[in-house]
Amino acid sequence: MNVAKVALILIFLLLLVVIFFALTGLDVNNPMPAIERILAWVVRLNRTLNMMMRDFILSIQKSIREGFR
């Protein structure tokens, strides 16, 4: 792999780390508030996705049942 590609990948990874710290507000000395915020977001996302999947599956079941009536 050529040196320019490696340097570009390292710069991109460093930029991703900086963006992550900026968006989460993660403080290296006190990371718990940011971790709690991230976990709360993940839980909300999980609940939302579960509700969407449940509604989707129920709508498929309903349409199949109506098709056989």
Protein backbone atom coordinates (compact mmCIF):
# COMPACT_ATOMS: atom_id res chain seq x y z
CA MET A 1 0.00 0.00 0.00
CA ASN A 2 1.38 3.33 -0.85
CA VAL A 3 2.26 5.93 1.77
CA ALA A 4 -0.26 8.52 0.56
CA LYS A 5 -3.15 6.09 0.98
CA VAL A 6 -2.03 5.17 4.49
CA ALA A 7 -1.71 8.85 5.43
CA LEU A 8 -5.15 9.60 3.97
CA ILE A 9 -6.73 6.71 5.90
CA LEU A 10 -5.08 7.84 9.15
CA ILE A 11 -6.27 11.42 8.65
CA PHE A 12 -9.79 10.18 7.91
CA LEU A 13 -9.82 8.00 11.05
CA LEU A 14 -8.56 10.90 13.16
CA LEU A 15 -11.30 13.11 11.71
CA LEU A 16 -13.92 10.47 12.59
CA VAL A 17 -12.64 10.34 16.18
CA VAL A 18 -12.78 14.13 16.47
CA ILE A 19 -16.32 14.19 15.04
CA PHE A 20 -17.39 11.45 17.47
CA PHE A 21 -16.06 13.38 20.47
CA ALA A 22 -17.64 16.60 19.21
CA LEU A 23 -21.08 15.07 18.64
CA THR A 24 -21.26 13.04 21.85
CA GLY A 25 -19.64 15.58 24.14
CA LEU A 26 -17.52 12.76 25.52
CA ASP A 27 -15.11 14.06 28.13
CA VAL A 28 -12.09 11.86 28.66
CA ASN A 29 -11.95 12.68 32.36
CA ASN A 30 -15.69 12.09 32.95
CA PRO A 31 -17.13 9.86 30.20
CA MET A 32 -20.26 8.62 32.02
CA PRO A 33 -22.72 11.40 30.99
CA ALA A 34 -21.88 10.93 27.31
CA ILE A 35 -22.04 7.14 27.61
CA GLU A 36 -25.45 7.38 29.30
CA ARG A 37 -26.64 9.68 26.51
CA ILE A 38 -25.40 7.25 23.85
CA LEU A 39 -27.04 4.29 25.61
CA ALA A 40 -30.34 6.18 25.92
CA TRP A 41 -30.22 6.95 22.20
CA VAL A 42 -29.51 3.30 21.35
CA VAL A 43 -32.41 2.14 23.55
CA ARG A 44 -34.80 4.61 21.87
CA LEU A 45 -33.58 3.49 18.44
CA ASN A 46 -34.06 -0.16 19.39
CA ARG A 47 -37.61 0.44 20.64
CA THR A 48 -38.51 2.41 17.53
CA LEU A 49 -37.14 -0.27 15.20
CA ASN A 50 -38.91 -3.02 17.14
CA MET A 51 -42.23 -1.17 16.89
CA MET A 52 -41.75 -0.61 13.17
CA MET A 53 -40.93 -4.28 12.56
CA ARG A 54 -43.88 -5.42 14.68
CA ASP A 55 -46.27 -3.14 12.78
CA PHE A 56 -44.85 -4.34 9.47
CA ILE A 57 -45.21 -8.02 10.37
CA LEU A 58 -48.73 -7.47 11.72
CA SER A 59 -49.75 -5.69 8.53
CA ILE A 60 -48.44 -8.64 6.48
CA GLN A 61 -50.37 -11.09 8.68
CA LYS A 62 -53.51 -8.98 8.35
CA SER A 63 -53.25 -8.82 4.56
CA ILE A 64 -52.69 -12.59 4.34
CA ARG A 65 -55.68 -13.31 6.59
CA GLU A 66 -57.89 -10.95 4.55
CA GLY A 67 -56.74 -12.69 1.38
CA PHE A 68 -58.03 -16.06 2.60
CA ARG A 69 -61.47 -14.80 3.68
